[in-house]
Amino acid sequence: MQSLVGPVPEPAERVGSALRRCAQSTLAVGDSPIPVNLAHHAGGTTDLWLTIPMADSATITAGGVAARLEVLDVIRGGAAQGRCRRVVVVEGRVELPGDHAQRHVATHIAVELPDSALLGVGQDLALVRLRATRIVLTDHDGVTDIAPDDLATSGPDPFSDIEEHWLGHLNDPRCRIVSRIAMRVCRCLPAQRPLLVGIDRAGVDLEFTDRDDTIHRQRLPFAEACTEVGELGTQIRMLAGGARYPLDRAALRP
């Protein structure tokens, strides 16, 4: 098992963040695609808890069945809203606990991940457990197989819950932060406004279109990895030019 400590989010951490956001997910049981409302990774395990429509839970027989979860990690916030940046596929065996067990687990999940979908467990939604045996991540780095044990010891990026807000704020045309960050990789700004398409503890992902209408994505790492919102604002401000632009500090308080 590889160490997950480092300045750049490892593949397992990217998977954890995608599962946390769980914007568009489908559980395939046999030939039946089932929409997933929520996915929660139980820390320290290879288990995923998923909420699915109660009517579809009948396809899960006693003892569990083989299943395949597909998660599309789409961008939330800003002009790039809805664009898919990575795909996570988890294969394993899905099980349907009893009603009492479902409600008990839902209560514990709500402490860490408050979500309105949990209110429907036992009524119009069922809470099922997917025991992961294989995990595949597809993103701009290619296709990567993730050991289930690595997911068990990892977790989502600390800013995955608020990334949407930051992307929406910084990509607002009235905010000049992104254009200043873009000057680090562009001698002159392209006709189409550059966009931030990802923010995590270790850096940002910038997307811009060149004169040939070719889309490029550039990773800009922070000087130091962040754990708190205040540190995140400081590192973004440094990418934008640091102390040369003190008047923009208020713009970095979303």
C-alpha atoms as a PDB file:
ATOM      1  CA  MET A   1       0.000   0.000   0.000  1.00  0.00           C
ATOM      2  CA  GLN A   2       1.417   3.397  -1.027  1.00  0.00           C
ATOM      3  CA  SER A   3       1.792   6.272   1.389  1.00  0.00           C
ATOM      4  CA  LEU A   4      -0.911   8.902   0.893  1.00  0.00           C
ATOM      5  CA  VAL A   5       1.099  11.698   2.518  1.00  0.00           C
ATOM      6  CA  GLY A   6       2.393  14.324   0.140  1.00  0.00           C
ATOM      7  CA  PRO A   7       1.874  17.810  -1.358  1.00  0.00           C
ATOM      8  CA  VAL A   8      -0.238  16.574  -4.292  1.00  0.00           C
ATOM      9  CA  PRO A   9      -3.547  14.764  -3.728  1.00  0.00           C
ATOM     10  CA  GLU A  10      -2.996  11.086  -4.496  1.00  0.00           C
ATOM     11  CA  PRO A  11      -5.441   9.187  -6.748  1.00  0.00           C
ATOM     12  CA  ALA A  12      -7.189   7.667  -3.717  1.00  0.00           C
ATOM     13  CA  GLU A  13      -7.793  11.143  -2.281  1.00  0.00           C
ATOM     14  CA  ARG A  14      -9.214  12.307  -5.615  1.00  0.00           C
ATOM     15  CA  VAL A  15     -11.551   9.310  -5.555  1.00  0.00           C
ATOM     16  CA  GLY A  16     -12.617  10.199  -2.011  1.00  0.00           C
ATOM     17  CA  SER A  17     -13.396  13.775  -3.084  1.00  0.00           C
ATOM     18  CA  ALA A  18     -15.434  12.595  -6.078  1.00  0.00           C
ATOM     19  CA  LEU A  19     -17.436  10.255  -3.855  1.00  0.00           C
ATOM     20  CA  ARG A  20     -17.985  13.043  -1.358  1.00  0.00           C
ATOM     21  CA  ARG A  21     -19.444  15.346  -4.002  1.00  0.00           C
ATOM     22  CA  CYS A  22     -21.278  12.481  -5.764  1.00  0.00           C
ATOM     23  CA  ALA A  23     -22.901  14.824  -8.282  1.00  0.00           C
ATOM     24  CA  GLN A  24     -23.990  12.185 -10.790  1.00  0.00           C
ATOM     25  CA  SER A  25     -23.822   8.490  -9.863  1.00  0.00           C
ATOM     26  CA  THR A  26     -25.355   5.264 -11.088  1.00  0.00           C
ATOM     27  CA  LEU A  27     -25.322   1.794  -9.537  1.00  0.00           C
ATOM     28  CA  ALA A  28     -25.548  -1.045 -12.059  1.00  0.00           C
ATOM     29  CA  VAL A  29     -27.003  -4.297 -10.699  1.00  0.00           C
ATOM     30  CA  GLY A  30     -27.182  -6.784 -13.537  1.00  0.00           C
ATOM     31  CA  ASP A  31     -28.747  -4.904 -16.452  1.00  0.00           C
ATOM     32  CA  SER A  32     -30.549  -2.440 -14.198  1.00  0.00           C
ATOM     33  CA  PRO A  33     -29.072   1.086 -13.835  1.00  0.00           C
ATOM     34  CA  ILE A  34     -30.117   2.588 -10.501  1.00  0.00           C
ATOM     35  CA  PRO A  35     -29.713   6.318  -9.693  1.00  0.00           C
ATOM     36  CA  VAL A  36     -27.696   7.043  -6.555  1.00  0.00           C
ATOM     37  CA  ASN A  37     -28.657  10.053  -4.438  1.00  0.00           C
ATOM     38  CA  LEU A  38     -25.763   9.956  -1.991  1.00  0.00           C
ATOM     39  CA  ALA A  39     -22.476   8.064  -1.583  1.00  0.00           C
ATOM     40  CA  HIS A  40     -20.603   7.946   1.698  1.00  0.00           C
ATOM     41  CA  HIS A  41     -17.229   6.278   2.244  1.00  0.00           C
ATOM     42  CA  ALA A  42     -16.981   4.710   5.677  1.00  0.00           C
ATOM     43  CA  GLY A  43     -13.525   5.760   6.881  1.00  0.00           C
ATOM     44  CA  GLY A  44     -11.071   2.974   7.640  1.00  0.00           C
ATOM     45  CA  THR A  45     -12.970   0.498   5.471  1.00  0.00           C
ATOM     46  CA  THR A  46     -13.519  -0.270   1.793  1.00  0.00           C
ATOM     47  CA  ASP A  47     -17.284   0.111   2.268  1.00  0.00           C
ATOM     48  CA  LEU A  48     -19.468   2.674   0.517  1.00  0.00           C
ATOM     49  CA  TRP A  49     -22.978   3.470   1.708  1.00  0.00           C
ATOM     50  CA  LEU A  50     -25.372   4.511  -1.050  1.00  0.00           C
ATOM     51  CA  THR A  51     -28.948   5.781  -1.047  1.00  0.00           C
ATOM     52  CA  ILE A  52     -31.079   4.415  -3.897  1.00  0.00           C
ATOM     53  CA  PRO A  53     -34.816   4.504  -4.656  1.00  0.00           C
ATOM     54  CA  MET A  54     -36.738   2.051  -2.449  1.00  0.00           C
ATOM     55  CA  ALA A  55     -38.406   0.503  -5.509  1.00  0.00           C
ATOM     56  CA  ASP A  56     -35.001  -0.468  -6.942  1.00  0.00           C
ATOM     57  CA  SER A  57     -33.777  -2.115  -3.741  1.00  0.00           C
ATOM     58  CA  ALA A  58     -35.833  -5.219  -4.603  1.00  0.00           C
ATOM     59  CA  THR A  59     -33.164  -6.150  -7.175  1.00  0.00           C
ATOM     60  CA  ILE A  60     -30.702  -6.768  -4.321  1.00  0.00           C
ATOM     61  CA  THR A  61     -31.262 -10.313  -3.112  1.00  0.00           C
ATOM     62  CA  ALA A  62     -30.315 -11.856   0.231  1.00  0.00           C
ATOM     63  CA  GLY A  63     -26.564 -12.247   0.581  1.00  0.00           C
ATOM     64  CA  GLY A  64     -25.866  -9.406  -1.853  1.00  0.00           C
ATOM     65  CA  VAL A  65     -25.203  -9.210  -5.581  1.00  0.00           C
ATOM     66  CA  ALA A  66     -22.366  -8.049  -7.819  1.00  0.00           C
ATOM     67  CA  ALA A  67     -22.637  -4.363  -8.693  1.00  0.00           C
ATOM     68  CA  ARG A  68     -20.797  -1.518 -10.398  1.00  0.00           C
ATOM     69  CA  LEU A  69     -20.922   2.095  -9.224  1.00  0.00           C
ATOM     70  CA  GLU A  70     -20.063   4.876 -11.670  1.00  0.00           C
ATOM     71  CA  VAL A  71     -19.505   8.383 -10.334  1.00  0.00           C
ATOM     72  CA  LEU A  72     -19.131  11.400 -12.612  1.00  0.00           C
ATOM     73  CA  ASP A  73     -17.262  14.131 -10.748  1.00  0.00           C
ATOM     74  CA  VAL A  74     -18.671  17.233 -12.414  1.00  0.00           C
ATOM     75  CA  ILE A  75     -17.531  20.773 -11.712  1.00  0.00           C
ATOM     76  CA  ARG A  76     -19.828  22.804  -9.499  1.00  0.00           C
ATOM     77  CA  GLY A  77     -19.627  26.564  -9.440  1.00  0.00           C
ATOM     78  CA  GLY A  78     -18.712  29.127 -12.055  1.00  0.00           C
ATOM     79  CA  ALA A  79     -18.789  29.106 -15.842  1.00  0.00           C
ATOM     80  CA  ALA A  80     -17.497  25.506 -16.021  1.00  0.00           C
ATOM     81  CA  GLN A  81     -20.547  24.243 -14.093  1.00  0.00           C
ATOM     82  CA  GLY A  82     -21.567  20.722 -15.103  1.00  0.00           C
ATOM     83  CA  ARG A  83     -18.361  19.773 -16.934  1.00  0.00           C
ATOM     84  CA  CYS A  84     -17.052  16.314 -16.031  1.00  0.00           C
ATOM     85  CA  ARG A  85     -13.433  16.250 -14.831  1.00  0.00           C
ATOM     86  CA  ARG A  86     -13.070  12.659 -13.654  1.00  0.00           C
ATOM     87  CA  VAL A  87     -14.906   9.345 -13.581  1.00  0.00           C
ATOM     88  CA  VAL A  88     -14.723   6.853 -10.721  1.00  0.00           C
ATOM     89  CA  VAL A  89     -15.830   3.247 -11.155  1.00  0.00           C
ATOM     90  CA  VAL A  90     -16.183   1.002  -8.107  1.00  0.00           C
ATOM     91  CA  GLU A  91     -16.889  -2.699  -8.505  1.00  0.00           C
ATOM     92  CA  GLY A  92     -17.904  -4.947  -5.650  1.00  0.00           C
ATOM     93  CA  ARG A  93     -20.806  -6.589  -3.902  1.00  0.00           C
ATOM     94  CA  VAL A  94     -23.845  -4.620  -2.799  1.00  0.00           C
ATOM     95  CA  GLU A  95     -25.911  -5.645   0.231  1.00  0.00           C
ATOM     96  CA  LEU A  96     -29.271  -4.505   1.589  1.00  0.00           C
ATOM     97  CA  PRO A  97     -29.341  -4.296   5.424  1.00  0.00           C
ATOM     98  CA  GLY A  98     -32.586  -4.457   7.395  1.00  0.00           C
ATOM     99  CA  ASP A  99     -34.709  -1.344   7.907  1.00  0.00           C
ATOM    100  CA  HIS A 100     -33.529  -0.794  11.495  1.00  0.00           C
ATOM    101  CA  ALA A 101     -29.859  -1.133  10.503  1.00  0.00           C
ATOM    102  CA  GLN A 102     -30.344   1.319   7.626  1.00  0.00           C
ATOM    103  CA  ARG A 103     -31.791   3.996   9.890  1.00  0.00           C
ATOM    104  CA  HIS A 104     -29.057   3.416  12.484  1.00  0.00           C
ATOM    105  CA  VAL A 105     -26.275   3.841   9.901  1.00  0.00           C
ATOM    106  CA  ALA A 106     -28.018   6.861   8.356  1.00  0.00           C
ATOM    107  CA  THR A 107     -27.963   8.590  11.751  1.00  0.00           C
ATOM    108  CA  HIS A 108     -24.207   8.095  12.050  1.00  0.00           C
ATOM    109  CA  ILE A 109     -23.552   9.228   8.468  1.00  0.00           C
ATOM    110  CA  ALA A 110     -25.555  12.434   9.057  1.00  0.00           C
ATOM    111  CA  VAL A 111     -23.073  13.503  11.740  1.00  0.00           C
ATOM    112  CA  GLU A 112     -20.270  13.661   9.167  1.00  0.00           C
ATOM    113  CA  LEU A 113     -22.233  14.267   5.985  1.00  0.00           C
ATOM    114  CA  PRO A 114     -25.530  16.103   6.552  1.00  0.00           C
ATOM    115  CA  ASP A 115     -27.641  15.474   3.466  1.00  0.00           C
ATOM    116  CA  SER A 116     -31.379  15.685   2.906  1.00  0.00           C
ATOM    117  CA  ALA A 117     -31.282  12.297   1.138  1.00  0.00           C
ATOM    118  CA  LEU A 118     -30.712  10.633   4.517  1.00  0.00           C
ATOM    119  CA  LEU A 119     -34.132  11.839   5.658  1.00  0.00           C
ATOM    120  CA  GLY A 120     -35.742   9.555   3.093  1.00  0.00           C
ATOM    121  CA  VAL A 121     -34.054   6.358   4.294  1.00  0.00           C
ATOM    122  CA  GLY A 122     -36.720   3.821   5.218  1.00  0.00           C
ATOM    123  CA  GLN A 123     -39.405   5.696   3.246  1.00  0.00           C
ATOM    124  CA  ASP A 124     -38.708   6.410  -0.424  1.00  0.00           C
ATOM    125  CA  LEU A 125     -34.981   5.619  -0.220  1.00  0.00           C
ATOM    126  CA  ALA A 126     -32.980   2.557   0.840  1.00  0.00           C
ATOM    127  CA  LEU A 127     -29.453   2.657   2.249  1.00  0.00           C
ATOM    128  CA  VAL A 128     -27.268  -0.105   0.780  1.00  0.00           C
ATOM    129  CA  ARG A 129     -23.645  -1.089   1.369  1.00  0.00           C
ATOM    130  CA  LEU A 130     -21.188  -1.624  -1.477  1.00  0.00           C
ATOM    131  CA  ARG A 131     -18.081  -3.582  -0.491  1.00  0.00           C
ATOM    132  CA  ALA A 132     -15.429  -2.401  -2.950  1.00  0.00           C
ATOM    133  CA  THR A 133     -13.157  -4.947  -4.594  1.00  0.00           C
ATOM    134  CA  ARG A 134     -11.881  -2.820  -7.495  1.00  0.00           C
ATOM    135  CA  ILE A 135     -11.641   0.953  -7.990  1.00  0.00           C
ATOM    136  CA  VAL A 136     -10.678   2.704 -11.229  1.00  0.00           C
ATOM    137  CA  LEU A 137     -10.082   6.451 -11.605  1.00  0.00           C
ATOM    138  CA  THR A 138     -10.102   8.153 -15.012  1.00  0.00           C
ATOM    139  CA  ASP A 139      -9.000  11.789 -15.176  1.00  0.00           C
ATOM    140  CA  HIS A 140      -6.477  14.066 -16.894  1.00  0.00           C
ATOM    141  CA  ASP A 141      -3.640  11.847 -15.599  1.00  0.00           C
ATOM    142  CA  GLY A 142      -5.056   8.802 -17.405  1.00  0.00           C
ATOM    143  CA  VAL A 143      -6.579   5.603 -16.032  1.00  0.00           C
ATOM    144  CA  THR A 144      -5.438   4.497 -12.565  1.00  0.00           C
ATOM    145  CA  ASP A 145      -6.325   1.395 -10.577  1.00  0.00           C
ATOM    146  CA  ILE A 146      -6.756   2.237  -6.892  1.00  0.00           C
ATOM    147  CA  ALA A 147      -6.151  -0.412  -4.251  1.00  0.00           C
ATOM    148  CA  PRO A 148      -9.230  -0.605  -1.989  1.00  0.00           C
ATOM    149  CA  ASP A 149      -6.888  -0.471   1.022  1.00  0.00           C
ATOM    150  CA  ASP A 150      -5.613   2.924  -0.164  1.00  0.00           C
ATOM    151  CA  LEU A 151      -9.165   4.273  -0.202  1.00  0.00           C
ATOM    152  CA  ALA A 152      -9.659   2.858   3.292  1.00  0.00           C
ATOM    153  CA  THR A 153      -6.719   4.880   4.639  1.00  0.00           C
ATOM    154  CA  SER A 154      -7.445   8.029   2.636  1.00  0.00           C
ATOM    155  CA  GLY A 155     -10.263  10.555   2.685  1.00  0.00           C
ATOM    156  CA  PRO A 156     -11.683  13.448   0.666  1.00  0.00           C
ATOM    157  CA  ASP A 157      -9.907  16.735   0.192  1.00  0.00           C
ATOM    158  CA  PRO A 158     -10.657  19.010   3.193  1.00  0.00           C
ATOM    159  CA  PHE A 159     -12.177  21.622   0.868  1.00  0.00           C
ATOM    160  CA  SER A 160     -14.347  19.307  -1.237  1.00  0.00           C
ATOM    161  CA  ASP A 161     -17.516  20.513   0.506  1.00  0.00           C
ATOM    162  CA  ILE A 162     -16.826  24.210  -0.209  1.00  0.00           C
ATOM    163  CA  GLU A 163     -15.028  23.993  -3.551  1.00  0.00           C
ATOM    164  CA  GLU A 164     -18.259  24.861  -5.375  1.00  0.00           C
ATOM    165  CA  HIS A 165     -18.528  28.160  -3.510  1.00  0.00           C
ATOM    166  CA  TRP A 166     -14.891  29.103  -4.156  1.00  0.00           C
ATOM    167  CA  LEU A 167     -15.072  28.266  -7.875  1.00  0.00           C
ATOM    168  CA  GLY A 168     -18.249  30.306  -8.274  1.00  0.00           C
ATOM    169  CA  HIS A 169     -16.740  33.254  -6.438  1.00  0.00           C
ATOM    170  CA  LEU A 170     -13.309  33.321  -8.095  1.00  0.00           C
ATOM    171  CA  ASN A 171     -14.651  32.676 -11.619  1.00  0.00           C
ATOM    172  CA  ASP A 172     -17.000  35.646 -11.375  1.00  0.00           C
ATOM    173  CA  PRO A 173     -15.965  38.117 -14.125  1.00  0.00           C
ATOM    174  CA  ARG A 174     -15.915  40.898 -11.523  1.00  0.00           C
ATOM    175  CA  CYS A 175     -13.128  39.096  -9.642  1.00  0.00           C
ATOM    176  CA  ARG A 176      -9.667  39.635 -11.168  1.00  0.00           C
ATOM    177  CA  ILE A 177      -7.910  36.895  -9.213  1.00  0.00           C
ATOM    178  CA  VAL A 178      -8.129  34.212 -11.937  1.00  0.00           C
ATOM    179  CA  SER A 179      -6.717  36.484 -14.660  1.00  0.00           C
ATOM    180  CA  ARG A 180      -3.743  37.295 -12.438  1.00  0.00           C
ATOM    181  CA  ILE A 181      -3.162  33.628 -11.732  1.00  0.00           C
ATOM    182  CA  ALA A 182      -3.387  32.932 -15.487  1.00  0.00           C
ATOM    183  CA  MET A 183      -0.524  35.367 -16.142  1.00  0.00           C
ATOM    184  CA  ARG A 184       1.766  32.809 -14.540  1.00  0.00           C
ATOM    185  CA  VAL A 185       1.282  30.532 -17.552  1.00  0.00           C
ATOM    186  CA  CYS A 186       0.159  32.954 -20.310  1.00  0.00           C
ATOM    187  CA  ARG A 187       2.250  35.830 -21.615  1.00  0.00           C
ATOM    188  CA  CYS A 188      -0.980  37.545 -22.567  1.00  0.00           C
ATOM    189  CA  LEU A 189      -4.515  36.622 -21.628  1.00  0.00           C
ATOM    190  CA  PRO A 190      -6.451  34.688 -24.289  1.00  0.00           C
ATOM    191  CA  ALA A 191      -9.669  36.047 -25.798  1.00  0.00           C
ATOM    192  CA  GLN A 192     -11.708  33.541 -23.783  1.00  0.00           C
ATOM    193  CA  ARG A 193     -11.530  34.172 -20.073  1.00  0.00           C
ATOM    194  CA  PRO A 194      -9.423  31.559 -18.207  1.00  0.00           C
ATOM    195  CA  LEU A 195     -11.292  29.486 -15.638  1.00  0.00           C
ATOM    196  CA  LEU A 196     -10.427  27.752 -12.413  1.00  0.00           C
ATOM    197  CA  VAL A 197     -11.800  24.222 -12.748  1.00  0.00           C
ATOM    198  CA  GLY A 198     -10.452  22.731  -9.521  1.00  0.00           C
ATOM    199  CA  ILE A 199      -9.313  23.773  -6.048  1.00  0.00           C
ATOM    200  CA  ASP A 200      -7.858  21.457  -3.420  1.00  0.00           C
ATOM    201  CA  ARG A 201      -5.479  21.564  -0.485  1.00  0.00           C
ATOM    202  CA  ALA A 202      -2.393  21.439  -2.717  1.00  0.00           C
ATOM    203  CA  GLY A 203      -3.182  23.812  -5.575  1.00  0.00           C
ATOM    204  CA  VAL A 204      -5.558  24.873  -8.325  1.00  0.00           C
ATOM    205  CA  ASP A 205      -6.367  23.656 -11.836  1.00  0.00           C
ATOM    206  CA  LEU A 206      -6.518  26.395 -14.475  1.00  0.00           C
ATOM    207  CA  GLU A 207      -8.117  25.968 -17.890  1.00  0.00           C
ATOM    208  CA  PHE A 208      -7.549  28.306 -20.829  1.00  0.00           C
ATOM    209  CA  THR A 209      -7.971  28.326 -24.626  1.00  0.00           C
ATOM    210  CA  ASP A 210      -5.060  29.336 -26.872  1.00  0.00           C
ATOM    211  CA  ARG A 211      -5.160  31.158 -30.229  1.00  0.00           C
ATOM    212  CA  ASP A 212      -5.763  27.841 -32.046  1.00  0.00           C
ATOM    213  CA  ASP A 213      -8.853  27.192 -29.908  1.00  0.00           C
ATOM    214  CA  THR A 214      -7.048  24.360 -28.145  1.00  0.00           C
ATOM    215  CA  ILE A 215      -8.064  23.900 -24.522  1.00  0.00           C
ATOM    216  CA  HIS A 216      -5.213  23.528 -22.033  1.00  0.00           C
ATOM    217  CA  ARG A 217      -5.317  22.595 -18.373  1.00  0.00           C
ATOM    218  CA  GLN A 218      -2.492  23.710 -16.117  1.00  0.00           C
ATOM    219  CA  ARG A 219      -1.816  22.605 -12.559  1.00  0.00           C
ATOM    220  CA  LEU A 220      -0.546  25.395 -10.292  1.00  0.00           C
ATOM    221  CA  PRO A 221       0.644  24.065  -6.918  1.00  0.00           C
ATOM    222  CA  PHE A 222       0.595  26.070  -3.734  1.00  0.00           C
ATOM    223  CA  ALA A 223       3.812  26.876  -1.898  1.00  0.00           C
ATOM    224  CA  GLU A 224       2.410  24.878   1.029  1.00  0.00           C
ATOM    225  CA  ALA A 225      -0.488  22.457   1.385  1.00  0.00           C
ATOM    226  CA  CYS A 226      -3.515  23.883   3.219  1.00  0.00           C
ATOM    227  CA  THR A 227      -5.705  22.516   5.975  1.00  0.00           C
ATOM    228  CA  GLU A 228      -7.809  25.582   6.808  1.00  0.00           C
ATOM    229  CA  VAL A 229      -9.799  28.134   4.815  1.00  0.00           C
ATOM    230  CA  GLY A 230      -7.541  30.974   5.931  1.00  0.00           C
ATOM    231  CA  GLU A 231      -4.498  29.145   4.572  1.00  0.00           C
ATOM    232  CA  LEU A 232      -6.338  28.490   1.304  1.00  0.00           C
ATOM    233  CA  GLY A 233      -7.045  32.196   0.843  1.00  0.00           C
ATOM    234  CA  THR A 234      -3.403  33.042   1.538  1.00  0.00           C
ATOM    235  CA  GLN A 235      -2.078  30.543  -1.002  1.00  0.00           C
ATOM    236  CA  ILE A 236      -4.502  31.693  -3.727  1.00  0.00           C
ATOM    237  CA  ARG A 237      -3.536  35.297  -3.047  1.00  0.00           C
ATOM    238  CA  MET A 238       0.135  34.347  -3.431  1.00  0.00           C
ATOM    239  CA  LEU A 239      -0.589  32.736  -6.797  1.00  0.00           C
ATOM    240  CA  ALA A 240      -2.317  35.950  -7.850  1.00  0.00           C
ATOM    241  CA  GLY A 241       0.662  38.112  -6.997  1.00  0.00           C
ATOM    242  CA  GLY A 242       0.822  38.264  -3.214  1.00  0.00           C
ATOM    243  CA  ALA A 243       1.451  41.620  -1.578  1.00  0.00           C
ATOM    244  CA  ARG A 244       1.387  43.466  -4.922  1.00  0.00           C
ATOM    245  CA  TYR A 245      -2.413  43.218  -4.907  1.00  0.00           C
ATOM    246  CA  PRO A 246      -3.517  43.942  -1.307  1.00  0.00           C
ATOM    247  CA  LEU A 247      -6.829  45.444  -2.411  1.00  0.00           C
ATOM    248  CA  ASP A 248      -8.028  42.040  -3.609  1.00  0.00           C
ATOM    249  CA  ARG A 249      -7.790  40.455  -0.175  1.00  0.00           C
ATOM    250  CA  ALA A 250     -11.437  41.202   0.522  1.00  0.00           C
ATOM    251  CA  ALA A 251     -12.340  39.320  -2.655  1.00  0.00           C
ATOM    252  CA  LEU A 252     -10.810  36.187  -1.174  1.00  0.00           C
ATOM    253  CA  ARG A 253     -13.353  35.979   1.652  1.00  0.00           C
ATOM    254  CA  PRO A 254     -16.285  34.118   0.081  1.00  0.00           C
END
